[in-house]
Amino acid sequence: MTFTLSGFDSWTFQIVFYGSLLVLEALRDDQRLSTVLNPMDCTRTRAHDLIRHPSCSLISR
């Protein structure tokens, strides 16, 4: 299920579980940004941080 946040009109968001991790994903066109949420995190603050300062890490298996 996706949702929107005011102030982020061109983005949609979703919260998903990856194993034991709770992850916030921001979606726009072909972009997908994600960050791990901690239990007491403010979703709006984390969304703002994610979009303003995206970062990337690669996981090798």
PDB file of N, CA and C in Angstrom:
ATOM      1  N   MET A   1       0.840  -1.172   0.000  1.00  0.00           N
ATOM      2  CA  MET A   1       0.000   0.000   0.000  1.00  0.00           C
ATOM      3  C   MET A   1       0.889   1.241   0.000  1.00  0.00           C
ATOM      4  N   THR A   2       0.626   2.146  -0.915  1.00  0.00           N
ATOM      5  CA  THR A   2       1.408   3.379  -0.987  1.00  0.00           C
ATOM      6  C   THR A   2       0.608   4.527  -0.371  1.00  0.00           C
ATOM      7  N   PHE A   3       1.315   5.567   0.039  1.00  0.00           N
ATOM      8  CA  PHE A   3       0.688   6.742   0.610  1.00  0.00           C
ATOM      9  C   PHE A   3       1.483   7.970   0.206  1.00  0.00           C
ATOM     10  N   THR A   4       0.913   9.148   0.411  1.00  0.00           N
ATOM     11  CA  THR A   4       1.579  10.411   0.106  1.00  0.00           C
ATOM     12  C   THR A   4       1.757  11.201   1.386  1.00  0.00           C
ATOM     13  N   LEU A   5       2.698  12.141   1.342  1.00  0.00           N
ATOM     14  CA  LEU A   5       2.927  13.063   2.456  1.00  0.00           C
ATOM     15  C   LEU A   5       2.863  14.482   1.914  1.00  0.00           C
ATOM     16  N   SER A   6       2.185  15.360   2.621  1.00  0.00           N
ATOM     17  CA  SER A   6       2.116  16.747   2.155  1.00  0.00           C
ATOM     18  C   SER A   6       3.518  17.338   2.121  1.00  0.00           C
ATOM     19  N   GLY A   7       3.774  18.138   1.103  1.00  0.00           N
ATOM     20  CA  GLY A   7       5.091  18.713   0.910  1.00  0.00           C
ATOM     21  C   GLY A   7       5.975  17.887  -0.022  1.00  0.00           C
ATOM     22  N   PHE A   8       5.540  16.681  -0.336  1.00  0.00           N
ATOM     23  CA  PHE A   8       6.285  15.791  -1.229  1.00  0.00           C
ATOM     24  C   PHE A   8       5.353  15.373  -2.354  1.00  0.00           C
ATOM     25  N   ASP A   9       4.805  16.337  -3.056  1.00  0.00           N
ATOM     26  CA  ASP A   9       3.732  16.093  -4.014  1.00  0.00           C
ATOM     27  C   ASP A   9       4.093  15.130  -5.137  1.00  0.00           C
ATOM     28  N   SER A  10       5.329  15.105  -5.574  1.00  0.00           N
ATOM     29  CA  SER A  10       5.683  14.239  -6.706  1.00  0.00           C
ATOM     30  C   SER A  10       6.143  12.851  -6.257  1.00  0.00           C
ATOM     31  N   TRP A  11       6.138  12.575  -4.965  1.00  0.00           N
ATOM     32  CA  TRP A  11       6.596  11.293  -4.430  1.00  0.00           C
ATOM     33  C   TRP A  11       5.440  10.501  -3.838  1.00  0.00           C
ATOM     34  N   THR A  12       5.524   9.187  -3.924  1.00  0.00           N
ATOM     35  CA  THR A  12       4.669   8.311  -3.142  1.00  0.00           C
ATOM     36  C   THR A  12       5.586   7.486  -2.242  1.00  0.00           C
ATOM     37  N   PHE A  13       5.031   6.991  -1.166  1.00  0.00           N
ATOM     38  CA  PHE A  13       5.825   6.277  -0.167  1.00  0.00           C
ATOM     39  C   PHE A  13       5.172   4.960   0.158  1.00  0.00           C
ATOM     40  N   GLN A  14       5.992   4.049   0.634  1.00  0.00           N
ATOM     41  CA  GLN A  14       5.478   2.803   1.174  1.00  0.00           C
ATOM     42  C   GLN A  14       6.409   2.333   2.276  1.00  0.00           C
ATOM     43  N   ILE A  15       5.845   1.632   3.228  1.00  0.00           N
ATOM     44  CA  ILE A  15       6.628   1.043   4.306  1.00  0.00           C
ATOM     45  C   ILE A  15       6.546  -0.462   4.116  1.00  0.00           C
ATOM     46  N   VAL A  16       7.706  -1.096   4.057  1.00  0.00           N
ATOM     47  CA  VAL A  16       7.764  -2.535   3.802  1.00  0.00           C
ATOM     48  C   VAL A  16       8.675  -3.214   4.814  1.00  0.00           C
ATOM     49  N   PHE A  17       8.446  -4.481   5.029  1.00  0.00           N
ATOM     50  CA  PHE A  17       9.320  -5.296   5.870  1.00  0.00           C
ATOM     51  C   PHE A  17      10.267  -6.079   4.980  1.00  0.00           C
ATOM     52  N   TYR A  18      11.540  -6.048   5.321  1.00  0.00           N
ATOM     53  CA  TYR A  18      12.550  -6.909   4.709  1.00  0.00           C
ATOM     54  C   TYR A  18      13.151  -7.709   5.851  1.00  0.00           C
ATOM     55  N   GLY A  19      12.660  -8.909   6.035  1.00  0.00           N
ATOM     56  CA  GLY A  19      13.085  -9.691   7.194  1.00  0.00           C
ATOM     57  C   GLY A  19      12.634  -8.984   8.458  1.00  0.00           C
ATOM     58  N   SER A  20      13.578  -8.634   9.320  1.00  0.00           N
ATOM     59  CA  SER A  20      13.245  -7.931  10.563  1.00  0.00           C
ATOM     60  C   SER A  20      13.370  -6.415  10.426  1.00  0.00           C
ATOM     61  N   LEU A  21      13.706  -5.923   9.233  1.00  0.00           N
ATOM     62  CA  LEU A  21      13.867  -4.483   9.025  1.00  0.00           C
ATOM     63  C   LEU A  21      12.575  -3.841   8.534  1.00  0.00           C
ATOM     64  N   LEU A  22      12.275  -2.671   9.060  1.00  0.00           N
ATOM     65  CA  LEU A  22      11.161  -1.856   8.583  1.00  0.00           C
ATOM     66  C   LEU A  22      11.767  -0.770   7.703  1.00  0.00           C
ATOM     67  N   VAL A  23      11.349  -0.717   6.433  1.00  0.00           N
ATOM     68  CA  VAL A  23      11.995   0.155   5.454  1.00  0.00           C
ATOM     69  C   VAL A  23      10.978   1.124   4.864  1.00  0.00           C
ATOM     70  N   LEU A  24      11.360   2.402   4.801  1.00  0.00           N
ATOM     71  CA  LEU A  24      10.577   3.431   4.126  1.00  0.00           C
ATOM     72  C   LEU A  24      11.119   3.564   2.717  1.00  0.00           C
ATOM     73  N   GLU A  25      10.240   3.440   1.718  1.00  0.00           N
ATOM     74  CA  GLU A  25      10.638   3.622   0.321  1.00  0.00           C
ATOM     75  C   GLU A  25       9.931   4.838  -0.248  1.00  0.00           C
ATOM     76  N   ALA A  26      10.681   5.660  -0.973  1.00  0.00           N
ATOM     77  CA  ALA A  26      10.148   6.821  -1.680  1.00  0.00           C
ATOM     78  C   ALA A  26      10.205   6.514  -3.167  1.00  0.00           C
ATOM     79  N   LEU A  27       9.084   6.702  -3.860  1.00  0.00           N
ATOM     80  CA  LEU A  27       8.979   6.324  -5.269  1.00  0.00           C
ATOM     81  C   LEU A  27       8.561   7.526  -6.105  1.00  0.00           C
ATOM     82  N   ARG A  28       9.271   7.729  -7.211  1.00  0.00           N
ATOM     83  CA  ARG A  28       8.908   8.783  -8.175  1.00  0.00           C
ATOM     84  C   ARG A  28       9.442   8.361  -9.528  1.00  0.00           C
ATOM     85  N   ASP A  29       8.525   8.261 -10.503  1.00  0.00           N
ATOM     86  CA  ASP A  29       8.896   7.809 -11.843  1.00  0.00           C
ATOM     87  C   ASP A  29       9.696   6.520 -11.737  1.00  0.00           C
ATOM     88  N   ASP A  30      10.959   6.516 -12.194  1.00  0.00           N
ATOM     89  CA  ASP A  30      11.768   5.300 -12.115  1.00  0.00           C
ATOM     90  C   ASP A  30      12.744   5.329 -10.944  1.00  0.00           C
ATOM     91  N   GLN A  31      12.587   6.298 -10.032  1.00  0.00           N
ATOM     92  CA  GLN A  31      13.455   6.398  -8.862  1.00  0.00           C
ATOM     93  C   GLN A  31      12.841   5.651  -7.684  1.00  0.00           C
ATOM     94  N   ARG A  32      13.685   4.971  -6.933  1.00  0.00           N
ATOM     95  CA  ARG A  32      13.260   4.313  -5.704  1.00  0.00           C
ATOM     96  C   ARG A  32      14.359   4.547  -4.665  1.00  0.00           C
ATOM     97  N   LEU A  33      14.033   5.290  -3.634  1.00  0.00           N
ATOM     98  CA  LEU A  33      14.954   5.555  -2.539  1.00  0.00           C
ATOM     99  C   LEU A  33      14.445   4.811  -1.318  1.00  0.00           C
ATOM    100  N   SER A  34      15.342   4.333  -0.487  1.00  0.00           N
ATOM    101  CA  SER A  34      14.880   3.621   0.697  1.00  0.00           C
ATOM    102  C   SER A  34      15.807   3.872   1.879  1.00  0.00           C
ATOM    103  N   THR A  35      15.224   3.760   3.071  1.00  0.00           N
ATOM    104  CA  THR A  35      15.975   3.908   4.309  1.00  0.00           C
ATOM    105  C   THR A  35      15.326   3.048   5.379  1.00  0.00           C
ATOM    106  N   VAL A  36      16.130   2.557   6.292  1.00  0.00           N
ATOM    107  CA  VAL A  36      15.628   1.739   7.390  1.00  0.00           C
ATOM    108  C   VAL A  36      14.996   2.659   8.436  1.00  0.00           C
ATOM    109  N   LEU A  37      13.823   2.275   8.917  1.00  0.00           N
ATOM    110  CA  LEU A  37      13.138   3.023   9.972  1.00  0.00           C
ATOM    111  C   LEU A  37      13.385   2.353  11.311  1.00  0.00           C
ATOM    112  N   ASN A  38      13.660   3.158  12.321  1.00  0.00           N
ATOM    113  CA  ASN A  38      13.728   2.675  13.692  1.00  0.00           C
ATOM    114  C   ASN A  38      12.349   2.838  14.323  1.00  0.00           C
ATOM    115  N   PRO A  39      12.042   2.088  15.381  1.00  0.00           N
ATOM    116  CA  PRO A  39      10.686   2.088  15.936  1.00  0.00           C
ATOM    117  C   PRO A  39      10.124   3.469  16.298  1.00  0.00           C
ATOM    118  N   MET A  40      10.902   4.390  16.759  1.00  0.00           N
ATOM    119  CA  MET A  40      10.388   5.691  17.193  1.00  0.00           C
ATOM    120  C   MET A  40      10.621   6.800  16.168  1.00  0.00           C
ATOM    121  N   ASP A  41      11.062   6.477  14.954  1.00  0.00           N
ATOM    122  CA  ASP A  41      11.308   7.483  13.915  1.00  0.00           C
ATOM    123  C   ASP A  41      10.013   8.140  13.460  1.00  0.00           C
ATOM    124  N   CYS A  42      10.086   9.430  13.176  1.00  0.00           N
ATOM    125  CA  CYS A  42       8.989  10.166  12.566  1.00  0.00           C
ATOM    126  C   CYS A  42       9.066   9.923  11.055  1.00  0.00           C
ATOM    127  N   THR A  43       8.013   9.370  10.478  1.00  0.00           N
ATOM    128  CA  THR A  43       8.011   9.028   9.054  1.00  0.00           C
ATOM    129  C   THR A  43       8.255  10.257   8.192  1.00  0.00           C
ATOM    130  N   ARG A  44       7.627  11.373   8.520  1.00  0.00           N
ATOM    131  CA  ARG A  44       7.790  12.602   7.740  1.00  0.00           C
ATOM    132  C   ARG A  44       9.230  13.114   7.793  1.00  0.00           C
ATOM    133  N   THR A  45       9.836  13.103   8.954  1.00  0.00           N
ATOM    134  CA  THR A  45      11.232  13.547   9.087  1.00  0.00           C
ATOM    135  C   THR A  45      12.168  12.635   8.309  1.00  0.00           C
ATOM    136  N   ARG A  46      11.957  11.329   8.416  1.00  0.00           N
ATOM    137  CA  ARG A  46      12.810  10.379   7.690  1.00  0.00           C
ATOM    138  C   ARG A  46      12.624  10.506   6.189  1.00  0.00           C
ATOM    139  N   ALA A  47      11.379  10.773   5.739  1.00  0.00           N
ATOM    140  CA  ALA A  47      11.132  10.981   4.308  1.00  0.00           C
ATOM    141  C   ALA A  47      11.878  12.209   3.819  1.00  0.00           C
ATOM    142  N   HIS A  48      11.826  13.286   4.585  1.00  0.00           N
ATOM    143  CA  HIS A  48      12.530  14.521   4.220  1.00  0.00           C
ATOM    144  C   HIS A  48      14.029  14.258   4.122  1.00  0.00           C
ATOM    145  N   ASP A  49      14.593  13.595   5.113  1.00  0.00           N
ATOM    146  CA  ASP A  49      16.032  13.272   5.099  1.00  0.00           C
ATOM    147  C   ASP A  49      16.389  12.403   3.901  1.00  0.00           C
ATOM    148  N   LEU A  50      15.561  11.421   3.617  1.00  0.00           N
ATOM    149  CA  LEU A  50      15.823  10.498   2.516  1.00  0.00           C
ATOM    150  C   LEU A  50      15.869  11.210   1.173  1.00  0.00           C
ATOM    151  N   ILE A  51      14.915  12.084   0.925  1.00  0.00           N
ATOM    152  CA  ILE A  51      14.841  12.766  -0.364  1.00  0.00           C
ATOM    153  C   ILE A  51      15.908  13.854  -0.478  1.00  0.00           C
ATOM    154  N   ARG A  52      16.156  14.569   0.593  1.00  0.00           N
ATOM    155  CA  ARG A  52      17.147  15.650   0.553  1.00  0.00           C
ATOM    156  C   ARG A  52      18.582  15.138   0.513  1.00  0.00           C
ATOM    157  N   HIS A  53      18.839  13.985   1.118  1.00  0.00           N
ATOM    158  CA  HIS A  53      20.210  13.456   1.214  1.00  0.00           C
ATOM    159  C   HIS A  53      20.234  11.964   0.919  1.00  0.00           C
ATOM    160  N   PRO A  54      19.917  11.579  -0.318  1.00  0.00           N
ATOM    161  CA  PRO A  54      19.947  10.142  -0.639  1.00  0.00           C
ATOM    162  C   PRO A  54      21.384   9.627  -0.602  1.00  0.00           C
ATOM    163  N   SER A  55      21.515   8.362  -0.298  1.00  0.00           N
ATOM    164  CA  SER A  55      22.829   7.727  -0.311  1.00  0.00           C
ATOM    165  C   SER A  55      22.658   6.348  -0.907  1.00  0.00           C
ATOM    166  N   CYS A  56      23.749   5.699  -1.157  1.00  0.00           N
ATOM    167  CA  CYS A  56      23.693   4.404  -1.815  1.00  0.00           C
ATOM    168  C   CYS A  56      24.682   3.473  -1.133  1.00  0.00           C
ATOM    169  N   SER A  57      24.274   2.244  -0.956  1.00  0.00           N
ATOM    170  CA  SER A  57      25.230   1.213  -0.539  1.00  0.00           C
ATOM    171  C   SER A  57      24.889  -0.048  -1.309  1.00  0.00           C
ATOM    172  N   LEU A  58      25.887  -0.815  -1.592  1.00  0.00           N
ATOM    173  CA  LEU A  58      25.709  -2.043  -2.350  1.00  0.00           C
ATOM    174  C   LEU A  58      25.898  -3.226  -1.411  1.00  0.00           C
ATOM    175  N   ILE A  59      25.072  -4.222  -1.585  1.00  0.00           N
ATOM    176  CA  ILE A  59      25.169  -5.428  -0.783  1.00  0.00           C
ATOM    177  C   ILE A  59      25.599  -6.559  -1.704  1.00  0.00           C
ATOM    178  N   SER A  60      26.678  -7.220  -1.356  1.00  0.00           N
ATOM    179  CA  SER A  60      27.113  -8.354  -2.166  1.00  0.00           C
ATOM    180  C   SER A  60      26.746  -9.645  -1.433  1.00  0.00           C
ATOM    181  N   ARG A  61      26.376 -10.641  -2.211  1.00  0.00           N
ATOM    182  CA  ARG A  61      25.999 -11.940  -1.623  1.00  0.00           C
ATOM    183  C   ARG A  61      26.871 -13.016  -2.145  1.00  0.00           C
TER     184      ARG A  61
END
